[in-house]
Amino acid sequence: MRSNHQIVADHYAASGRHDLEGMLADLAADVQWTEMAGSVLGGTYVGRDAIIANVFVPIGRDWDGFGFELERLIDGGDTIVALGHYVGTHKASGKRLHARVAHVWQLGGGKVRRFEQFCDTTLLERVTR
C-alpha cells in the first residue's frame, strides 16, 4: 500500500503530465474539495464530478499553461501539506500568474478525503481583470 505522502506526490506527478484521470484516481467517492473563498472558483465541491465541473473545467477553459509548481511536501501522516506556486496565463486578460499557494490534504484508508487550497485571492483576481 502506498503511503499518504506517495498518494499526494502521485497526484502532482499526474498534474505535471496533464493527466486528469491520474490526478483524481485516489479520491474517495465523497471527497470534499475546497477552493479558497474569495476566488472565482471558491467553494467546497463534493465528489469527483463536482470537482471536475467546478474546478478543472473552468481552469482549462480560462487559462493557458496553468499548473502547480510543487516546492515541498510536508508529511504529517494523515495530513499532507504541499507548498508551491500556481503559474499560467489568463486567456481573457493575457496576464501571467505566479502565486504562492498551500494545499492541505486529509487522507484515510488510502484515499483522499479532503483537500483545501490556501492562496492570495486578491492576486488571482488582479490577474483575471
N, C-alpha and C. Protein backbone atom coordinates (compact mmCIF):
# COMPACT_ATOMS: atom_id res chain seq x y z
N MET A 1 0.85 -1.19 0.00
CA MET A 1 0.00 0.00 0.00
C MET A 1 0.89 1.25 0.00
N ARG A 2 0.55 2.21 -0.84
CA ARG A 2 1.31 3.46 -0.89
C ARG A 2 1.03 4.30 0.35
N SER A 3 2.04 5.06 0.74
CA SER A 3 1.86 5.98 1.87
C SER A 3 1.00 7.17 1.42
N ASN A 4 0.47 7.88 2.41
CA ASN A 4 -0.30 9.09 2.10
C ASN A 4 0.57 10.10 1.35
N HIS A 5 1.82 10.22 1.77
CA HIS A 5 2.77 11.11 1.10
C HIS A 5 2.90 10.73 -0.38
N GLN A 6 3.02 9.43 -0.66
CA GLN A 6 3.17 8.97 -2.05
C GLN A 6 1.90 9.21 -2.85
N ILE A 7 0.74 9.04 -2.25
CA ILE A 7 -0.53 9.29 -2.94
C ILE A 7 -0.59 10.74 -3.42
N VAL A 8 -0.23 11.68 -2.54
CA VAL A 8 -0.25 13.09 -2.91
C VAL A 8 0.84 13.39 -3.94
N ALA A 9 2.02 12.82 -3.75
CA ALA A 9 3.10 13.00 -4.74
C ALA A 9 2.66 12.48 -6.10
N ASP A 10 1.94 11.37 -6.13
CA ASP A 10 1.45 10.82 -7.40
C ASP A 10 0.43 11.75 -8.05
N HIS A 11 -0.38 12.42 -7.24
CA HIS A 11 -1.33 13.41 -7.78
C HIS A 11 -0.58 14.50 -8.52
N TYR A 12 0.46 15.05 -7.89
CA TYR A 12 1.21 16.14 -8.53
C TYR A 12 2.00 15.66 -9.74
N ALA A 13 2.48 14.43 -9.71
CA ALA A 13 3.16 13.88 -10.89
C ALA A 13 2.18 13.78 -12.05
N ALA A 14 0.95 13.34 -11.78
CA ALA A 14 -0.08 13.26 -12.82
C ALA A 14 -0.44 14.66 -13.32
N SER A 15 -0.50 15.62 -12.42
CA SER A 15 -0.78 17.01 -12.81
C SER A 15 0.28 17.51 -13.77
N GLY A 16 1.54 17.21 -13.50
CA GLY A 16 2.63 17.62 -14.37
C GLY A 16 2.54 17.01 -15.76
N ARG A 17 1.89 15.84 -15.87
CA ARG A 17 1.68 15.17 -17.16
C ARG A 17 0.36 15.60 -17.82
N HIS A 18 -0.41 16.46 -17.13
CA HIS A 18 -1.75 16.87 -17.58
C HIS A 18 -2.67 15.65 -17.69
N ASP A 19 -2.56 14.77 -16.70
CA ASP A 19 -3.31 13.52 -16.65
C ASP A 19 -4.40 13.65 -15.59
N LEU A 20 -5.57 14.14 -15.99
CA LEU A 20 -6.66 14.37 -15.04
C LEU A 20 -7.10 13.08 -14.36
N GLU A 21 -7.20 11.99 -15.11
CA GLU A 21 -7.60 10.71 -14.51
C GLU A 21 -6.62 10.30 -13.41
N GLY A 22 -5.34 10.47 -13.66
CA GLY A 22 -4.34 10.15 -12.66
C GLY A 22 -4.43 11.06 -11.45
N MET A 23 -4.75 12.33 -11.68
CA MET A 23 -4.89 13.28 -10.59
C MET A 23 -6.03 12.91 -9.65
N LEU A 24 -7.09 12.35 -10.21
CA LEU A 24 -8.30 12.07 -9.44
C LEU A 24 -8.41 10.62 -9.00
N ALA A 25 -7.42 9.81 -9.35
CA ALA A 25 -7.50 8.35 -9.13
C ALA A 25 -7.69 7.97 -7.67
N ASP A 26 -7.13 8.73 -6.75
CA ASP A 26 -7.15 8.34 -5.35
C ASP A 26 -8.14 9.13 -4.50
N LEU A 27 -9.12 9.76 -5.15
CA LEU A 27 -10.13 10.49 -4.40
C LEU A 27 -11.20 9.54 -3.88
N ALA A 28 -11.60 9.73 -2.64
CA ALA A 28 -12.75 9.00 -2.10
C ALA A 28 -14.00 9.45 -2.84
N ALA A 29 -15.00 8.59 -2.89
CA ALA A 29 -16.24 8.94 -3.61
C ALA A 29 -16.88 10.20 -3.05
N ASP A 30 -16.76 10.43 -1.75
CA ASP A 30 -17.39 11.59 -1.11
C ASP A 30 -16.37 12.66 -0.72
N VAL A 31 -15.25 12.72 -1.43
CA VAL A 31 -14.20 13.69 -1.14
C VAL A 31 -14.76 15.11 -1.13
N GLN A 32 -14.25 15.92 -0.21
CA GLN A 32 -14.62 17.34 -0.15
C GLN A 32 -13.42 18.14 -0.64
N TRP A 33 -13.61 18.94 -1.68
CA TRP A 33 -12.54 19.70 -2.32
C TRP A 33 -12.88 21.18 -2.16
N THR A 34 -12.06 21.92 -1.41
CA THR A 34 -12.34 23.32 -1.12
C THR A 34 -11.32 24.23 -1.80
N GLU A 35 -11.84 25.10 -2.66
CA GLU A 35 -11.06 26.18 -3.27
C GLU A 35 -11.29 27.41 -2.41
N MET A 36 -10.26 28.21 -2.24
CA MET A 36 -10.24 29.35 -1.32
C MET A 36 -11.44 30.28 -1.54
N ALA A 37 -12.12 30.62 -0.46
CA ALA A 37 -13.20 31.60 -0.53
C ALA A 37 -12.63 32.91 -1.05
N GLY A 38 -13.38 33.56 -1.91
CA GLY A 38 -12.93 34.82 -2.49
C GLY A 38 -12.35 34.66 -3.88
N SER A 39 -12.04 33.43 -4.27
CA SER A 39 -11.56 33.22 -5.63
C SER A 39 -12.74 32.91 -6.54
N VAL A 40 -12.53 33.06 -7.84
CA VAL A 40 -13.60 32.81 -8.80
C VAL A 40 -14.09 31.35 -8.72
N LEU A 41 -13.23 30.45 -8.30
CA LEU A 41 -13.60 29.04 -8.16
C LEU A 41 -13.98 28.68 -6.73
N GLY A 42 -14.03 29.68 -5.84
CA GLY A 42 -14.24 29.44 -4.41
C GLY A 42 -15.46 28.60 -4.10
N GLY A 43 -15.30 27.70 -3.17
CA GLY A 43 -16.39 26.86 -2.72
C GLY A 43 -15.89 25.48 -2.35
N THR A 44 -16.78 24.68 -1.80
CA THR A 44 -16.47 23.29 -1.48
C THR A 44 -17.31 22.41 -2.37
N TYR A 45 -16.65 21.50 -3.05
CA TYR A 45 -17.29 20.61 -4.02
C TYR A 45 -17.12 19.18 -3.52
N VAL A 46 -18.20 18.41 -3.58
CA VAL A 46 -18.20 17.06 -3.06
C VAL A 46 -18.33 16.07 -4.21
N GLY A 47 -17.36 15.18 -4.29
CA GLY A 47 -17.37 14.14 -5.32
C GLY A 47 -16.64 14.56 -6.58
N ARG A 48 -16.17 13.56 -7.27
CA ARG A 48 -15.36 13.72 -8.48
C ARG A 48 -16.03 14.58 -9.55
N ASP A 49 -17.29 14.32 -9.87
CA ASP A 49 -17.98 15.06 -10.93
C ASP A 49 -18.09 16.55 -10.60
N ALA A 50 -18.39 16.87 -9.36
CA ALA A 50 -18.50 18.27 -8.95
C ALA A 50 -17.13 18.96 -9.02
N ILE A 51 -16.07 18.24 -8.66
CA ILE A 51 -14.73 18.81 -8.72
C ILE A 51 -14.32 19.08 -10.16
N ILE A 52 -14.57 18.13 -11.02
CA ILE A 52 -14.24 18.33 -12.44
C ILE A 52 -15.00 19.53 -12.99
N ALA A 53 -16.31 19.57 -12.77
CA ALA A 53 -17.16 20.64 -13.33
C ALA A 53 -16.83 22.02 -12.78
N ASN A 54 -16.50 22.10 -11.49
CA ASN A 54 -16.34 23.41 -10.85
C ASN A 54 -14.90 23.87 -10.68
N VAL A 55 -13.95 22.98 -10.92
CA VAL A 55 -12.53 23.34 -10.77
C VAL A 55 -11.77 23.12 -12.07
N PHE A 56 -11.71 21.89 -12.52
CA PHE A 56 -10.83 21.58 -13.64
C PHE A 56 -11.36 22.04 -15.00
N VAL A 57 -12.66 21.98 -15.23
CA VAL A 57 -13.21 22.51 -16.49
C VAL A 57 -12.97 24.02 -16.60
N PRO A 58 -13.29 24.81 -15.56
CA PRO A 58 -13.01 26.25 -15.65
C PRO A 58 -11.52 26.58 -15.81
N ILE A 59 -10.66 25.83 -15.15
CA ILE A 59 -9.22 26.09 -15.31
C ILE A 59 -8.82 25.88 -16.77
N GLY A 60 -9.24 24.78 -17.36
CA GLY A 60 -8.91 24.51 -18.76
C GLY A 60 -9.50 25.52 -19.72
N ARG A 61 -10.67 26.00 -19.40
CA ARG A 61 -11.36 26.98 -20.24
C ARG A 61 -10.72 28.37 -20.15
N ASP A 62 -10.27 28.76 -18.97
CA ASP A 62 -9.88 30.14 -18.71
C ASP A 62 -8.37 30.39 -18.70
N TRP A 63 -7.56 29.33 -18.69
CA TRP A 63 -6.11 29.50 -18.52
C TRP A 63 -5.31 28.76 -19.58
N ASP A 64 -4.19 29.35 -19.98
CA ASP A 64 -3.18 28.67 -20.79
C ASP A 64 -2.01 28.34 -19.90
N GLY A 65 -1.52 27.13 -20.01
CA GLY A 65 -0.32 26.74 -19.28
C GLY A 65 -0.48 26.74 -17.78
N PHE A 66 -1.71 26.58 -17.30
CA PHE A 66 -1.92 26.59 -15.85
C PHE A 66 -1.29 25.36 -15.22
N GLY A 67 -0.62 25.58 -14.10
CA GLY A 67 -0.04 24.46 -13.38
C GLY A 67 0.33 24.83 -11.96
N PHE A 68 0.67 23.82 -11.22
CA PHE A 68 1.13 23.98 -9.84
C PHE A 68 2.58 23.51 -9.80
N GLU A 69 3.46 24.40 -9.41
CA GLU A 69 4.88 24.07 -9.26
C GLU A 69 5.12 23.69 -7.81
N LEU A 70 5.28 22.40 -7.58
CA LEU A 70 5.49 21.88 -6.23
C LEU A 70 6.90 22.17 -5.76
N GLU A 71 7.01 22.78 -4.59
CA GLU A 71 8.31 23.01 -3.97
C GLU A 71 8.61 21.99 -2.89
N ARG A 72 7.57 21.66 -2.11
CA ARG A 72 7.81 20.80 -0.96
C ARG A 72 6.53 20.13 -0.50
N LEU A 73 6.65 18.86 -0.12
CA LEU A 73 5.56 18.13 0.53
C LEU A 73 5.96 17.88 1.97
N ILE A 74 5.07 18.21 2.87
CA ILE A 74 5.30 18.02 4.30
C ILE A 74 4.43 16.86 4.76
N ASP A 75 5.06 15.84 5.27
CA ASP A 75 4.37 14.61 5.65
C ASP A 75 3.94 14.68 7.11
N GLY A 76 2.65 14.78 7.33
CA GLY A 76 2.09 14.79 8.67
C GLY A 76 1.24 13.57 8.93
N GLY A 77 1.56 12.46 8.29
CA GLY A 77 0.77 11.24 8.48
C GLY A 77 -0.50 11.28 7.64
N ASP A 78 -1.64 11.48 8.31
CA ASP A 78 -2.92 11.57 7.60
C ASP A 78 -3.14 12.94 6.95
N THR A 79 -2.29 13.90 7.29
CA THR A 79 -2.35 15.25 6.72
C THR A 79 -1.05 15.50 5.97
N ILE A 80 -1.18 15.85 4.70
CA ILE A 80 -0.03 16.19 3.87
C ILE A 80 -0.22 17.63 3.41
N VAL A 81 0.84 18.43 3.52
CA VAL A 81 0.79 19.83 3.09
C VAL A 81 1.74 20.00 1.92
N ALA A 82 1.24 20.61 0.86
CA ALA A 82 2.05 20.92 -0.32
C ALA A 82 2.23 22.43 -0.40
N LEU A 83 3.46 22.84 -0.63
CA LEU A 83 3.77 24.26 -0.81
C LEU A 83 4.32 24.46 -2.22
N GLY A 84 3.90 25.53 -2.84
CA GLY A 84 4.37 25.81 -4.19
C GLY A 84 3.77 27.06 -4.77
N HIS A 85 3.69 27.10 -6.10
CA HIS A 85 3.18 28.26 -6.83
C HIS A 85 2.24 27.81 -7.94
N TYR A 86 1.22 28.61 -8.18
CA TYR A 86 0.43 28.47 -9.39
C TYR A 86 1.08 29.32 -10.46
N VAL A 87 1.07 28.82 -11.68
CA VAL A 87 1.56 29.58 -12.83
C VAL A 87 0.57 29.40 -13.96
N GLY A 88 0.57 30.33 -14.88
CA GLY A 88 -0.28 30.25 -16.06
C GLY A 88 -0.59 31.63 -16.58
N THR A 89 -1.23 31.66 -17.72
CA THR A 89 -1.65 32.91 -18.34
C THR A 89 -3.16 32.91 -18.48
N HIS A 90 -3.79 33.94 -17.95
CA HIS A 90 -5.25 34.03 -18.05
C HIS A 90 -5.61 34.39 -19.48
N LYS A 91 -6.46 33.60 -20.10
CA LYS A 91 -6.78 33.77 -21.52
C LYS A 91 -7.42 35.12 -21.82
N ALA A 92 -8.38 35.55 -21.03
CA ALA A 92 -9.11 36.79 -21.32
C ALA A 92 -8.27 38.03 -21.07
N SER A 93 -7.49 38.04 -19.99
CA SER A 93 -6.72 39.24 -19.65
C SER A 93 -5.33 39.24 -20.29
N GLY A 94 -4.81 38.06 -20.60
CA GLY A 94 -3.46 37.94 -21.11
C GLY A 94 -2.39 38.10 -20.04
N LYS A 95 -2.81 38.22 -18.78
CA LYS A 95 -1.86 38.42 -17.68
C LYS A 95 -1.34 37.08 -17.17
N ARG A 96 -0.07 37.11 -16.76
CA ARG A 96 0.62 35.92 -16.26
C ARG A 96 0.45 35.83 -14.74
N LEU A 97 0.22 34.63 -14.27
CA LEU A 97 0.05 34.35 -12.84
C LEU A 97 1.30 33.66 -12.29
N HIS A 98 1.73 34.11 -11.14
CA HIS A 98 2.74 33.41 -10.33
C HIS A 98 2.36 33.70 -8.88
N ALA A 99 1.66 32.76 -8.26
CA ALA A 99 1.09 33.00 -6.93
C ALA A 99 1.45 31.88 -5.97
N ARG A 100 1.87 32.26 -4.78
CA ARG A 100 2.19 31.31 -3.72
C ARG A 100 0.91 30.60 -3.29
N VAL A 101 1.01 29.31 -3.00
CA VAL A 101 -0.16 28.53 -2.61
C VAL A 101 0.24 27.40 -1.67
N ALA A 102 -0.70 27.03 -0.82
CA ALA A 102 -0.56 25.85 0.03
C ALA A 102 -1.80 24.99 -0.16
N HIS A 103 -1.57 23.70 -0.24
CA HIS A 103 -2.66 22.71 -0.32
C HIS A 103 -2.57 21.82 0.91
N VAL A 104 -3.70 21.60 1.56
CA VAL A 104 -3.75 20.71 2.72
C VAL A 104 -4.62 19.52 2.35
N TRP A 105 -4.04 18.35 2.43
CA TRP A 105 -4.68 17.09 2.06
C TRP A 105 -4.95 16.27 3.32
N GLN A 106 -6.16 15.73 3.45
CA GLN A 106 -6.51 14.81 4.53
C GLN A 106 -6.79 13.46 3.88
N LEU A 107 -6.11 12.43 4.35
CA LEU A 107 -6.25 11.10 3.77
C LEU A 107 -6.62 10.08 4.81
N GLY A 108 -7.26 9.02 4.37
CA GLY A 108 -7.61 7.90 5.24
C GLY A 108 -7.94 6.69 4.39
N GLY A 109 -7.46 5.54 4.80
CA GLY A 109 -7.76 4.31 4.08
C GLY A 109 -7.25 4.30 2.65
N GLY A 110 -6.15 5.00 2.40
CA GLY A 110 -5.58 5.03 1.06
C GLY A 110 -6.30 5.94 0.09
N LYS A 111 -7.17 6.80 0.59
CA LYS A 111 -7.95 7.71 -0.26
C LYS A 111 -7.86 9.15 0.25
N VAL A 112 -7.97 10.09 -0.67
CA VAL A 112 -8.06 11.50 -0.32
C VAL A 112 -9.47 11.75 0.17
N ARG A 113 -9.60 12.24 1.39
CA ARG A 113 -10.91 12.53 1.99
C ARG A 113 -11.26 14.01 1.89
N ARG A 114 -10.23 14.87 2.03
CA ARG A 114 -10.45 16.32 1.95
C ARG A 114 -9.24 16.98 1.32
N PHE A 115 -9.51 18.05 0.60
CA PHE A 115 -8.46 18.90 0.02
C PHE A 115 -8.87 20.34 0.30
N GLU A 116 -7.91 21.15 0.71
CA GLU A 116 -8.21 22.58 0.91
C GLU A 116 -7.05 23.41 0.38
N GLN A 117 -7.41 24.42 -0.40
CA GLN A 117 -6.44 25.32 -1.02
C GLN A 117 -6.38 26.62 -0.24
N PHE A 118 -5.16 27.14 -0.08
CA PHE A 118 -4.94 28.46 0.53
C PHE A 118 -4.07 29.26 -0.44
N CYS A 119 -4.58 30.43 -0.84
CA CYS A 119 -3.83 31.26 -1.78
C CYS A 119 -4.27 32.72 -1.64
N ASP A 120 -3.53 33.59 -2.31
CA ASP A 120 -3.82 35.02 -2.31
C ASP A 120 -4.89 35.30 -3.36
N THR A 121 -6.14 35.40 -2.92
CA THR A 121 -7.23 35.58 -3.87
C THR A 121 -7.23 36.97 -4.51
N THR A 122 -6.67 37.96 -3.84
CA THR A 122 -6.56 39.29 -4.43
C THR A 122 -5.64 39.26 -5.64
N LEU A 123 -4.53 38.55 -5.52
CA LEU A 123 -3.62 38.40 -6.64
C LEU A 123 -4.29 37.67 -7.79
N LEU A 124 -5.02 36.60 -7.50
CA LEU A 124 -5.74 35.87 -8.55
C LEU A 124 -6.73 36.78 -9.26
N GLU A 125 -7.46 37.58 -8.49
CA GLU A 125 -8.45 38.49 -9.08
C GLU A 125 -7.78 39.52 -9.99
N ARG A 126 -6.64 40.07 -9.58
CA ARG A 126 -5.93 41.06 -10.40
C ARG A 126 -5.51 40.48 -11.75
N VAL A 127 -5.11 39.23 -11.74
CA VAL A 127 -4.65 38.59 -12.97
C VAL A 127 -5.82 38.35 -13.93
N THR A 128 -7.00 38.13 -13.40
CA THR A 128 -8.15 37.83 -14.26
C THR A 128 -8.85 39.08 -14.80
N ARG A 129 -8.37 40.27 -14.43
CA ARG A 129 -9.01 41.50 -14.91
C ARG A 129 -8.12 42.22 -15.90
